PDB file of all heavy atoms in Angstrom:
ATOM      1  N   ALA A   1     -13.523 -97.346  25.852  1.00  0.00           N
ATOM      2  CA  ALA A   1     -13.648 -98.506  26.729  1.00  0.00           C
ATOM      3  C   ALA A   1     -12.495 -98.644  27.780  1.00  0.00           C
ATOM      4  O   ALA A   1     -11.348 -98.297  27.515  1.00  0.00           O
ATOM      5  CB  ALA A   1     -13.585 -99.805  25.896  1.00  0.00           C
ATOM      6  N   ILE A   2     -13.001 -98.951  28.951  1.00  0.00           N
ATOM      7  CA  ILE A   2     -11.886 -99.046  30.066  1.00  0.00           C
ATOM      8  C   ILE A   2     -11.355-100.435  30.271  1.00  0.00           C
ATOM      9  O   ILE A   2     -10.374-100.610  31.004  1.00  0.00           O
ATOM     10  CB  ILE A   2     -12.558 -98.525  31.422  1.00  0.00           C
ATOM     11  CG1 ILE A   2     -13.754 -99.374  31.824  1.00  0.00           C
ATOM     12  CG2 ILE A   2     -12.871 -96.968  31.227  1.00  0.00           C
ATOM     13  CD1 ILE A   2     -14.295 -98.982  33.190  1.00  0.00           C
ATOM     14  N   ASP A   3     -11.918-101.457  29.633  1.00  0.00           N
ATOM     15  CA  ASP A   3     -11.426-102.819  29.728  1.00  0.00           C
ATOM     16  C   ASP A   3     -11.964-103.551  28.426  1.00  0.00           C
ATOM     17  O   ASP A   3     -12.829-103.151  27.739  1.00  0.00           O
ATOM     18  CB  ASP A   3     -11.747-103.590  31.015  1.00  0.00           C
ATOM     19  CG  ASP A   3     -13.244-103.766  31.244  1.00  0.00           C
ATOM     20  OD1 ASP A   3     -13.925-104.309  30.340  1.00  0.00           O
ATOM     21  OD2 ASP A   3     -13.798-103.392  32.370  1.00  0.00           O
ATOM     22  N   ASN A   4     -11.423-104.838  28.310  1.00  0.00           N
ATOM     23  CA  ASN A   4     -11.750-105.558  27.066  1.00  0.00           C
ATOM     24  C   ASN A   4     -13.097-106.193  27.230  1.00  0.00           C
ATOM     25  O   ASN A   4     -13.402-107.059  26.311  1.00  0.00           O
ATOM     26  CB  ASN A   4     -10.657-106.591  26.758  1.00  0.00           C
ATOM     27  CG  ASN A   4     -10.451-107.607  27.836  1.00  0.00           C
ATOM     28  OD1 ASN A   4     -11.166-107.652  28.860  1.00  0.00           O
ATOM     29  ND2 ASN A   4      -9.569-108.538  27.644  1.00  0.00           N
ATOM     30  N   ASN A   5     -13.864-105.969  28.300  1.00  0.00           N
ATOM     31  CA  ASN A   5     -15.276-106.491  28.280  1.00  0.00           C
ATOM     32  C   ASN A   5     -16.266-105.369  27.832  1.00  0.00           C
ATOM     33  O   ASN A   5     -17.504-105.638  27.735  1.00  0.00           O
ATOM     34  CB  ASN A   5     -15.675-107.027  29.739  1.00  0.00           C
ATOM     35  CG  ASN A   5     -15.040-108.311  29.984  1.00  0.00           C
ATOM     36  OD1 ASN A   5     -15.281-109.311  29.356  1.00  0.00           O
ATOM     37  ND2 ASN A   5     -14.052-108.332  30.895  1.00  0.00           N
ATOM     38  N   GLN A   6     -15.780-104.277  27.538  1.00  0.00           N
ATOM     39  CA  GLN A   6     -16.648-103.061  27.202  1.00  0.00           C
ATOM     40  C   GLN A   6     -16.977-103.183  25.696  1.00  0.00           C
ATOM     41  O   GLN A   6     -16.598-102.313  24.872  1.00  0.00           O
ATOM     42  CB  GLN A   6     -15.966-101.758  27.532  1.00  0.00           C
ATOM     43  CG  GLN A   6     -15.595-101.616  29.024  1.00  0.00           C
ATOM     44  CD  GLN A   6     -16.735-100.980  29.674  1.00  0.00           C
ATOM     45  OE1 GLN A   6     -16.992 -99.755  29.672  1.00  0.00           O
ATOM     46  NE2 GLN A   6     -17.512-101.772  30.515  1.00  0.00           N
ATOM     47  N   ILE A   7     -17.786-104.153  25.267  1.00  0.00           N
ATOM     48  CA  ILE A   7     -18.086-104.443  23.892  1.00  0.00           C
ATOM     49  C   ILE A   7     -19.319-103.719  23.419  1.00  0.00           C
ATOM     50  O   ILE A   7     -20.175-103.221  24.192  1.00  0.00           O
ATOM     51  CB  ILE A   7     -18.189-105.943  23.588  1.00  0.00           C
ATOM     52  CG1 ILE A   7     -19.319-106.488  24.533  1.00  0.00           C
ATOM     53  CG2 ILE A   7     -16.942-106.679  23.907  1.00  0.00           C
ATOM     54  CD1 ILE A   7     -19.761-107.867  24.234  1.00  0.00           C
ATOM     55  N   ILE A   8     -19.396-103.547  22.035  1.00  0.00           N
ATOM     56  CA  ILE A   8     -20.582-102.892  21.440  1.00  0.00           C
ATOM     57  C   ILE A   8     -21.750-103.888  21.495  1.00  0.00           C
ATOM     58  O   ILE A   8     -21.623-105.074  21.736  1.00  0.00           O
ATOM     59  CB  ILE A   8     -20.287-102.538  19.988  1.00  0.00           C
ATOM     60  CG1 ILE A   8     -20.037-103.857  19.164  1.00  0.00           C
ATOM     61  CG2 ILE A   8     -19.103-101.532  20.002  1.00  0.00           C
ATOM     62  CD1 ILE A   8     -19.903-103.573  17.664  1.00  0.00           C
ATOM     63  N   GLY A   9     -22.886-103.325  21.338  1.00  0.00           N
ATOM     64  CA  GLY A   9     -24.089-104.203  21.261  1.00  0.00           C
ATOM     65  C   GLY A   9     -25.039-103.990  22.494  1.00  0.00           C
ATOM     66  O   GLY A   9     -24.602-103.508  23.600  1.00  0.00           O
ATOM     67  N   TYR A  10     -26.258-104.472  22.379  1.00  0.00           N
ATOM     68  CA  TYR A  10     -27.373-104.379  23.435  1.00  0.00           C
ATOM     69  C   TYR A  10     -28.114-105.687  23.489  1.00  0.00           C
ATOM     70  O   TYR A  10     -28.122-106.434  22.557  1.00  0.00           O
ATOM     71  CB  TYR A  10     -28.292-103.205  23.073  1.00  0.00           C
ATOM     72  CG  TYR A  10     -27.590-101.862  22.961  1.00  0.00           C
ATOM     73  CD1 TYR A  10     -27.034-101.409  21.804  1.00  0.00           C
ATOM     74  CD2 TYR A  10     -27.518-101.038  24.129  1.00  0.00           C
ATOM     75  CE1 TYR A  10     -26.460-100.181  21.757  1.00  0.00           C
ATOM     76  CE2 TYR A  10     -26.933 -99.718  24.092  1.00  0.00           C
ATOM     77  CZ  TYR A  10     -26.346 -99.405  22.754  1.00  0.00           C
ATOM     78  OH  TYR A  10     -25.730 -98.141  22.705  1.00  0.00           O
ATOM     79  N   ALA A  11     -28.769-105.827  24.654  1.00  0.00           N
ATOM     80  CA  ALA A  11     -29.617-106.954  24.831  1.00  0.00           C
ATOM     81  C   ALA A  11     -30.922-106.427  25.365  1.00  0.00           C
ATOM     82  O   ALA A  11     -31.006-105.665  26.339  1.00  0.00           O
ATOM     83  CB  ALA A  11     -29.090-107.966  25.901  1.00  0.00           C
ATOM     84  N   LEU A  12     -32.002-106.849  24.675  1.00  0.00           N
ATOM     85  CA  LEU A  12     -33.413-106.626  25.193  1.00  0.00           C
ATOM     86  C   LEU A  12     -33.629-107.843  26.120  1.00  0.00           C
ATOM     87  O   LEU A  12     -33.777-108.965  25.707  1.00  0.00           O
ATOM     88  CB  LEU A  12     -34.398-106.493  24.113  1.00  0.00           C
ATOM     89  CG  LEU A  12     -35.922-106.729  24.435  1.00  0.00           C
ATOM     90  CD1 LEU A  12     -36.307-105.790  25.528  1.00  0.00           C
ATOM     91  CD2 LEU A  12     -36.730-106.719  23.233  1.00  0.00           C
ATOM     92  N   LYS A  13     -33.779-107.575  27.380  1.00  0.00           N
ATOM     93  CA  LYS A  13     -34.028-108.639  28.344  1.00  0.00           C
ATOM     94  C   LYS A  13     -35.358-108.479  28.990  1.00  0.00           C
ATOM     95  O   LYS A  13     -35.714-107.384  29.545  1.00  0.00           O
ATOM     96  CB  LYS A  13     -32.947-108.519  29.493  1.00  0.00           C
ATOM     97  CG  LYS A  13     -32.842-109.657  30.449  1.00  0.00           C
ATOM     98  CD  LYS A  13     -31.663-109.493  31.461  1.00  0.00           C
ATOM     99  CE  LYS A  13     -31.631-110.670  32.437  1.00  0.00           C
ATOM    100  NZ  LYS A  13     -32.769-110.753  33.355  1.00  0.00           N
ATOM    101  N   ALA A  14     -36.154-109.440  28.956  1.00  0.00           N
ATOM    102  CA  ALA A  14     -37.588-109.293  29.347  1.00  0.00           C
ATOM    103  C   ALA A  14     -38.132-110.642  29.927  1.00  0.00           C
ATOM    104  O   ALA A  14     -37.625-111.653  29.683  1.00  0.00           O
ATOM    105  CB  ALA A  14     -38.433-108.876  28.218  1.00  0.00           C
ATOM    106  N   ASP A  15     -39.214-110.415  30.754  1.00  0.00           N
ATOM    107  CA  ASP A  15     -40.031-111.573  31.180  1.00  0.00           C
ATOM    108  C   ASP A  15     -41.407-111.220  31.130  1.00  0.00           C
ATOM    109  O   ASP A  15     -41.812-110.081  31.189  1.00  0.00           O
ATOM    110  CB  ASP A  15     -39.416-112.348  32.388  1.00  0.00           C
ATOM    111  CG  ASP A  15     -39.775-111.535  33.669  1.00  0.00           C
ATOM    112  OD1 ASP A  15     -40.360-110.457  33.599  1.00  0.00           O
ATOM    113  OD2 ASP A  15     -39.285-112.043  34.674  1.00  0.00           O
ATOM    114  N   ILE A  16     -42.280-112.311  31.294  1.00  0.00           N
ATOM    115  CA  ILE A  16     -43.723-112.045  31.365  1.00  0.00           C
ATOM    116  C   ILE A  16     -44.185-111.854  32.874  1.00  0.00           C
ATOM    117  O   ILE A  16     -43.776-112.593  33.712  1.00  0.00           O
ATOM    118  CB  ILE A  16     -44.437-113.284  30.787  1.00  0.00           C
ATOM    119  CG1 ILE A  16     -43.851-113.734  29.361  1.00  0.00           C
ATOM    120  CG2 ILE A  16     -45.943-113.089  30.707  1.00  0.00           C
ATOM    121  CD1 ILE A  16     -44.023-112.688  28.294  1.00  0.00           C
ATOM    122  N   LYS A  17     -45.035-110.909  33.102  1.00  0.00           N
ATOM    123  CA  LYS A  17     -45.499-110.619  34.357  1.00  0.00           C
ATOM    124  C   LYS A  17     -46.500-111.678  34.824  1.00  0.00           C
ATOM    125  O   LYS A  17     -47.466-112.020  34.171  1.00  0.00           O
ATOM    126  CB  LYS A  17     -46.210-109.321  34.316  1.00  0.00           C
ATOM    127  CG  LYS A  17     -46.696-108.806  35.696  1.00  0.00           C
ATOM    128  CD  LYS A  17     -47.417-107.455  35.656  1.00  0.00           C
ATOM    129  CE  LYS A  17     -47.941-106.998  36.999  1.00  0.00           C
ATOM    130  NZ  LYS A  17     -48.675-105.703  36.783  1.00  0.00           N
ATOM    131  N   HIS A  18     -46.119-112.307  35.956  1.00  0.00           N
ATOM    132  CA  HIS A  18     -46.972-113.382  36.498  1.00  0.00           C
ATOM    133  C   HIS A  18     -47.355-114.475  35.543  1.00  0.00           C
ATOM    134  O   HIS A  18     -48.576-114.738  35.390  1.00  0.00           O
ATOM    135  CB  HIS A  18     -48.250-112.849  37.231  1.00  0.00           C
ATOM    136  CG  HIS A  18     -47.901-111.756  38.334  1.00  0.00           C
ATOM    137  ND1 HIS A  18     -46.978-111.971  39.302  1.00  0.00           N
ATOM    138  CD2 HIS A  18     -48.426-110.502  38.378  1.00  0.00           C
ATOM    139  CE1 HIS A  18     -47.005-110.819  40.036  1.00  0.00           C
ATOM    140  NE2 HIS A  18     -47.797-109.966  39.511  1.00  0.00           N
ATOM    141  N   TYR A  19     -46.407-114.955  34.795  1.00  0.00           N
ATOM    142  CA  TYR A  19     -46.716-115.756  33.695  1.00  0.00           C
ATOM    143  C   TYR A  19     -47.662-117.000  33.964  1.00  0.00           C
ATOM    144  O   TYR A  19     -48.691-117.187  33.383  1.00  0.00           O
ATOM    145  CB  TYR A  19     -45.434-116.269  32.988  1.00  0.00           C
ATOM    146  CG  TYR A  19     -45.705-117.274  31.861  1.00  0.00           C
ATOM    147  CD1 TYR A  19     -46.583-116.847  30.805  1.00  0.00           C
ATOM    148  CD2 TYR A  19     -44.990-118.466  31.775  1.00  0.00           C
ATOM    149  CE1 TYR A  19     -46.746-117.710  29.683  1.00  0.00           C
ATOM    150  CE2 TYR A  19     -45.272-119.305  30.741  1.00  0.00           C
ATOM    151  CZ  TYR A  19     -46.109-118.985  29.683  1.00  0.00           C
ATOM    152  OH  TYR A  19     -46.413-119.755  28.660  1.00  0.00           O
ATOM    153  N   PHE A  20     -47.197-117.812  34.794  1.00  0.00           N
ATOM    154  CA  PHE A  20     -47.930-119.084  35.088  1.00  0.00           C
ATOM    155  C   PHE A  20     -49.346-118.753  35.642  1.00  0.00           C
ATOM    156  O   PHE A  20     -50.286-119.610  35.433  1.00  0.00           O
ATOM    157  CB  PHE A  20     -47.261-120.043  36.037  1.00  0.00           C
ATOM    158  CG  PHE A  20     -46.144-120.791  35.386  1.00  0.00           C
ATOM    159  CD1 PHE A  20     -44.847-120.279  35.212  1.00  0.00           C
ATOM    160  CD2 PHE A  20     -46.347-122.095  34.823  1.00  0.00           C
ATOM    161  CE1 PHE A  20     -43.892-121.007  34.598  1.00  0.00           C
ATOM    162  CE2 PHE A  20     -45.450-122.826  34.146  1.00  0.00           C
ATOM    163  CZ  PHE A  20     -44.102-122.261  34.098  1.00  0.00           C
ATOM    164  N   GLU A  21     -49.451-117.686  36.383  1.00  0.00           N
ATOM    165  CA  GLU A  21     -50.783-117.314  36.982  1.00  0.00           C
ATOM    166  C   GLU A  21     -51.748-116.818  35.891  1.00  0.00           C
ATOM    167  O   GLU A  21     -53.007-116.760  36.126  1.00  0.00           O
ATOM    168  CB  GLU A  21     -50.561-116.332  38.020  1.00  0.00           C
ATOM    169  CG  GLU A  21     -49.795-116.793  39.285  1.00  0.00           C
ATOM    170  CD  GLU A  21     -49.431-115.612  40.222  1.00  0.00           C
ATOM    171  OE1 GLU A  21     -50.112-114.635  40.210  1.00  0.00           O
ATOM    172  OE2 GLU A  21     -48.393-115.728  40.797  1.00  0.00           O
ATOM    173  N   THR A  22     -51.213-116.366  34.735  1.00  0.00           N
ATOM    174  CA  THR A  22     -52.098-115.581  33.772  1.00  0.00           C
ATOM    175  C   THR A  22     -52.324-116.397  32.437  1.00  0.00           C
ATOM    176  O   THR A  22     -52.963-115.878  31.598  1.00  0.00           O
ATOM    177  CB  THR A  22     -51.522-114.225  33.510  1.00  0.00           C
ATOM    178  OG1 THR A  22     -50.190-114.294  33.097  1.00  0.00           O
ATOM    179  CG2 THR A  22     -51.592-113.349  34.788  1.00  0.00           C
ATOM    180  N   VAL A  23     -51.705-117.625  32.286  1.00  0.00           N
ATOM    181  CA  VAL A  23     -51.981-118.358  31.114  1.00  0.00           C
ATOM    182  C   VAL A  23     -53.489-118.658  30.956  1.00  0.00           C
ATOM    183  O   VAL A  23     -54.147-119.095  31.844  1.00  0.00           O
ATOM    184  CB  VAL A  23     -51.248-119.674  31.120  1.00  0.00           C
ATOM    185  CG1 VAL A  23     -51.787-120.681  30.085  1.00  0.00           C
ATOM    186  CG2 VAL A  23     -49.783-119.432  30.957  1.00  0.00           C
ATOM    187  N   ASP A  24     -54.064-118.220  29.787  1.00  0.00           N
ATOM    188  CA  ASP A  24     -55.464-118.407  29.534  1.00  0.00           C
ATOM    189  C   ASP A  24     -55.790-119.769  29.016  1.00  0.00           C
ATOM    190  O   ASP A  24     -55.270-120.194  27.938  1.00  0.00           O
ATOM    191  CB  ASP A  24     -55.962-117.303  28.512  1.00  0.00           C
ATOM    192  CG  ASP A  24     -57.449-117.264  28.384  1.00  0.00           C
ATOM    193  OD1 ASP A  24     -57.898-118.189  27.606  1.00  0.00           O
ATOM    194  OD2 ASP A  24     -58.026-116.434  28.870  1.00  0.00           O
ATOM    195  N   HIS A  25     -56.647-120.540  29.697  1.00  0.00           N
ATOM    196  CA  HIS A  25     -57.001-121.922  29.356  1.00  0.00           C
ATOM    197  C   HIS A  25     -57.551-122.023  28.066  1.00  0.00           C
ATOM    198  O   HIS A  25     -57.187-122.969  27.235  1.00  0.00           O
ATOM    199  CB  HIS A  25     -57.835-122.520  30.451  1.00  0.00           C
ATOM    200  CG  HIS A  25     -57.239-122.664  31.784  1.00  0.00           C
ATOM    201  ND1 HIS A  25     -57.960-123.237  32.819  1.00  0.00           N
ATOM    202  CD2 HIS A  25     -55.967-122.364  32.234  1.00  0.00           C
ATOM    203  CE1 HIS A  25     -57.067-123.284  33.889  1.00  0.00           C
ATOM    204  NE2 HIS A  25     -55.938-122.729  33.482  1.00  0.00           N
ATOM    205  N   GLU A  26     -58.449-121.114  27.681  1.00  0.00           N
ATOM    206  CA  GLU A  26     -59.056-121.202  26.313  1.00  0.00           C
ATOM    207  C   GLU A  26     -58.107-121.000  25.230  1.00  0.00           C
ATOM    208  O   GLU A  26     -58.192-121.644  24.236  1.00  0.00           O
ATOM    209  CB  GLU A  26     -60.289-120.031  26.262  1.00  0.00           C
ATOM    210  CG  GLU A  26     -61.048-120.221  25.007  1.00  0.00           C
ATOM    211  CD  GLU A  26     -62.223-119.160  25.067  1.00  0.00           C
ATOM    212  OE1 GLU A  26     -62.562-118.604  26.104  1.00  0.00           O
ATOM    213  OE2 GLU A  26     -62.801-118.918  23.968  1.00  0.00           O
ATOM    214  N   ILE A  27     -57.185-119.983  25.332  1.00  0.00           N
ATOM    215  CA  ILE A  27     -56.265-119.786  24.352  1.00  0.00           C
ATOM    216  C   ILE A  27     -55.262-120.942  24.197  1.00  0.00           C
ATOM    217  O   ILE A  27     -54.935-121.467  23.113  1.00  0.00           O
ATOM    218  CB  ILE A  27     -55.401-118.517  24.557  1.00  0.00           C
ATOM    219  CG1 ILE A  27     -56.278-117.338  24.532  1.00  0.00           C
ATOM    220  CG2 ILE A  27     -54.271-118.410  23.695  1.00  0.00           C
ATOM    221  CD1 ILE A  27     -55.644-115.940  24.938  1.00  0.00           C
ATOM    222  N   LEU A  28     -54.868-121.577  25.433  1.00  0.00           N
ATOM    223  CA  LEU A  28     -53.934-122.684  25.363  1.00  0.00           C
ATOM    224  C   LEU A  28     -54.676-123.972  24.702  1.00  0.00           C
ATOM    225  O   LEU A  28     -54.020-124.525  23.925  1.00  0.00           O
ATOM    226  CB  LEU A  28     -53.620-123.095  26.862  1.00  0.00           C
ATOM    227  CG  LEU A  28     -52.808-124.323  27.061  1.00  0.00           C
ATOM    228  CD1 LEU A  28     -51.462-124.321  26.319  1.00  0.00           C
ATOM    229  CD2 LEU A  28     -52.574-124.622  28.533  1.00  0.00           C
ATOM    230  N   ILE A  29     -55.838-124.167  25.034  1.00  0.00           N
ATOM    231  CA  ILE A  29     -56.662-125.256  24.387  1.00  0.00           C
ATOM    232  C   ILE A  29     -56.696-125.065  22.881  1.00  0.00           C
ATOM    233  O   ILE A  29     -56.518-126.013  22.007  1.00  0.00           O
ATOM    234  CB  ILE A  29     -57.962-125.515  24.992  1.00  0.00           C
ATOM    235  CG1 ILE A  29     -57.889-126.050  26.455  1.00  0.00           C
ATOM    236  CG2 ILE A  29     -58.834-126.456  24.174  1.00  0.00           C
ATOM    237  CD1 ILE A  29     -57.353-127.446  26.531  1.00  0.00           C
ATOM    238  N   SER A  30     -56.882-123.801  22.451  1.00  0.00           N
ATOM    239  CA  SER A  30     -57.046-123.543  21.048  1.00  0.00           C
ATOM    240  C   SER A  30     -55.753-123.806  20.366  1.00  0.00           C
ATOM    241  O   SER A  30     -55.699-124.318  19.137  1.00  0.00           O
ATOM    242  CB  SER A  30     -57.483-122.059  20.803  1.00  0.00           C
ATOM    243  OG  SER A  30     -56.488-121.215  21.087  1.00  0.00           O
ATOM    244  N   LEU A  31     -54.588-123.484  21.029  1.00  0.00           N
ATOM    245  CA  LEU A  31     -53.231-123.740  20.443  1.00  0.00           C
ATOM    246  C   LEU A  31     -53.002-125.249  20.287  1.00  0.00           C
ATOM    247  O   LEU A  31     -52.422-125.668  19.397  1.00  0.00           O
ATOM    248  CB  LEU A  31     -52.185-123.015  21.345  1.00  0.00           C
ATOM    249  CG  LEU A  31     -52.200-121.489  21.338  1.00  0.00           C
ATOM    250  CD1 LEU A  31     -51.217-120.997  22.309  1.00  0.00           C
ATOM    251  CD2 LEU A  31     -52.001-120.886  19.961  1.00  0.00           C
ATOM    252  N   ILE A  32     -53.344-125.977  21.312  1.00  0.00           N
ATOM    253  CA  ILE A  32     -53.225-127.484  21.360  1.00  0.00           C
ATOM    254  C   ILE A  32     -54.062-128.041  20.226  1.00  0.00           C
ATOM    255  O   ILE A  32     -53.591-129.016  19.585  1.00  0.00           O
ATOM    256  CB  ILE A  32     -53.505-127.964  22.733  1.00  0.00           C
ATOM    257  CG1 ILE A  32     -52.506-127.508  23.754  1.00  0.00           C
ATOM    258  CG2 ILE A  32     -53.541-129.574  22.684  1.00  0.00           C
ATOM    259  CD1 ILE A  32     -52.803-127.864  25.174  1.00  0.00           C
ATOM    260  N   LYS A  33     -55.229-127.601  20.029  1.00  0.00           N
ATOM    261  CA  LYS A  33     -56.167-128.134  19.092  1.00  0.00           C
ATOM    262  C   LYS A  33     -55.666-127.905  17.624  1.00  0.00           C
ATOM    263  O   LYS A  33     -56.125-128.530  16.725  1.00  0.00           O
ATOM    264  CB  LYS A  33     -57.609-127.528  19.210  1.00  0.00           C
ATOM    265  CG  LYS A  33     -58.324-128.183  20.292  1.00  0.00           C
ATOM    266  CD  LYS A  33     -59.774-127.511  20.397  1.00  0.00           C
ATOM    267  CE  LYS A  33     -60.601-128.194  21.432  1.00  0.00           C
ATOM    268  NZ  LYS A  33     -61.979-127.644  21.410  1.00  0.00           N
ATOM    269  N   LYS A  34     -54.777-127.021  17.482  1.00  0.00           N
ATOM    270  CA  LYS A  34     -54.224-126.832  16.121  1.00  0.00           C
ATOM    271  C   LYS A  34     -53.452-128.048  15.665  1.00  0.00           C
ATOM    272  O   LYS A  34     -53.340-128.252  14.472  1.00  0.00           O
ATOM    273  CB  LYS A  34     -53.249-125.600  16.040  1.00  0.00           C
ATOM    274  CG  LYS A  34     -53.912-124.219  16.180  1.00  0.00           C
ATOM    275  CD  LYS A  34     -52.759-123.120  16.081  1.00  0.00           C
ATOM    276  CE  LYS A  34     -53.481-121.822  16.209  1.00  0.00           C
ATOM    277  NZ  LYS A  34     -52.354-120.711  16.108  1.00  0.00           N
ATOM    278  N   LYS A  35     -52.878-128.916  16.633  1.00  0.00           N
ATOM    279  CA  LYS A  35     -52.244-130.146  16.348  1.00  0.00           C
ATOM    280  C   LYS A  35     -52.909-131.246  16.735  1.00  0.00           C
ATOM    281  O   LYS A  35     -52.805-132.277  16.068  1.00  0.00           O
ATOM    282  CB  LYS A  35     -50.825-130.065  17.024  1.00  0.00           C
ATOM    283  CG  LYS A  35     -49.986-128.939  16.731  1.00  0.00           C
ATOM    284  CD  LYS A  35     -49.525-128.860  15.252  1.00  0.00           C
ATOM    285  CE  LYS A  35     -48.748-130.087  14.838  1.00  0.00           C
ATOM    286  NZ  LYS A  35     -48.388-130.119  13.397  1.00  0.00           N
ATOM    287  N   ILE A  36     -53.676-131.259  17.827  1.00  0.00           N
ATOM    288  CA  ILE A  36     -54.269-132.453  18.367  1.00  0.00           C
ATOM    289  C   ILE A  36     -55.800-132.383  18.113  1.00  0.00           C
ATOM    290  O   ILE A  36     -56.540-131.564  18.578  1.00  0.00           O
ATOM    291  CB  ILE A  36     -54.109-132.525  19.954  1.00  0.00           C
ATOM    292  CG1 ILE A  36     -52.611-132.507  20.253  1.00  0.00           C
ATOM    293  CG2 ILE A  36     -54.708-133.887  20.482  1.00  0.00           C
ATOM    294  CD1 ILE A  36     -51.723-133.625  19.720  1.00  0.00           C
ATOM    295  N   LYS A  37     -56.239-133.368  17.282  1.00  0.00           N
ATOM    296  CA  LYS A  37     -57.693-133.514  16.877  1.00  0.00           C
ATOM    297  C   LYS A  37     -58.422-134.681  17.648  1.00  0.00           C
ATOM    298  O   LYS A  37     -59.375-135.163  17.160  1.00  0.00           O
ATOM    299  CB  LYS A  37     -57.841-133.633  15.404  1.00  0.00           C
ATOM    300  CG  LYS A  37     -57.219-132.485  14.640  1.00  0.00           C
ATOM    301  CD  LYS A  37     -57.945-131.179  14.969  1.00  0.00           C
ATOM    302  CE  LYS A  37     -57.365-130.014  14.145  1.00  0.00           C
ATOM    303  NZ  LYS A  37     -58.078-128.737  14.509  1.00  0.00           N
ATOM    304  N   ASP A  38     -57.784-135.087  18.746  1.00  0.00           N
ATOM    305  CA  ASP A  38     -58.384-136.201  19.478  1.00  0.00           C
ATOM    306  C   ASP A  38     -59.068-135.622  20.717  1.00  0.00           C
ATOM    307  O   ASP A  38     -58.471-135.145  21.581  1.00  0.00           O
ATOM    308  CB  ASP A  38     -57.286-137.211  19.990  1.00  0.00           C
ATOM    309  CG  ASP A  38     -57.828-138.473  20.595  1.00  0.00           C
ATOM    310  OD1 ASP A  38     -58.730-138.337  21.338  1.00  0.00           O
ATOM    311  OD2 ASP A  38     -57.137-139.488  20.357  1.00  0.00           O
ATOM    312  N   ASP A  39     -60.467-135.761  20.722  1.00  0.00           N
ATOM    313  CA  ASP A  39     -61.278-135.083  21.746  1.00  0.00           C
ATOM    314  C   ASP A  39     -61.019-135.654  23.123  1.00  0.00           C
ATOM    315  O   ASP A  39     -61.065-134.868  24.142  1.00  0.00           O
ATOM    316  CB  ASP A  39     -62.725-135.267  21.468  1.00  0.00           C
ATOM    317  CG  ASP A  39     -63.216-134.452  20.230  1.00  0.00           C
ATOM    318  OD1 ASP A  39     -62.509-133.442  19.904  1.00  0.00           O
ATOM    319  OD2 ASP A  39     -64.225-134.782  19.671  1.00  0.00           O
ATOM    320  N   LYS A  40     -60.578-136.881  23.220  1.00  0.00           N
ATOM    321  CA  LYS A  40     -60.324-137.469  24.520  1.00  0.00           C
ATOM    322  C   LYS A  40     -58.967-136.925  25.076  1.00  0.00           C
ATOM    323  O   LYS A  40     -58.927-136.748  26.347  1.00  0.00           O
ATOM    324  CB  LYS A  40     -60.150-139.008  24.402  1.00  0.00           C
ATOM    325  CG  LYS A  40     -61.648-139.612  24.101  1.00  0.00           C
ATOM    326  CD  LYS A  40     -61.548-141.102  24.022  1.00  0.00           C
ATOM    327  CE  LYS A  40     -62.908-141.766  23.749  1.00  0.00           C
ATOM    328  NZ  LYS A  40     -62.834-143.268  23.576  1.00  0.00           N
TER     329      LYS A  40
END
């Protein structure tokens, strides 16, 4: 190490491609329905 910030360890850094544009409504509703049983 050349300075005291050269520590061991790694980070997996990721994000979702075009996240908000690709959320599937049918899947989202199915996830909400797992908790919410009010049709209105």
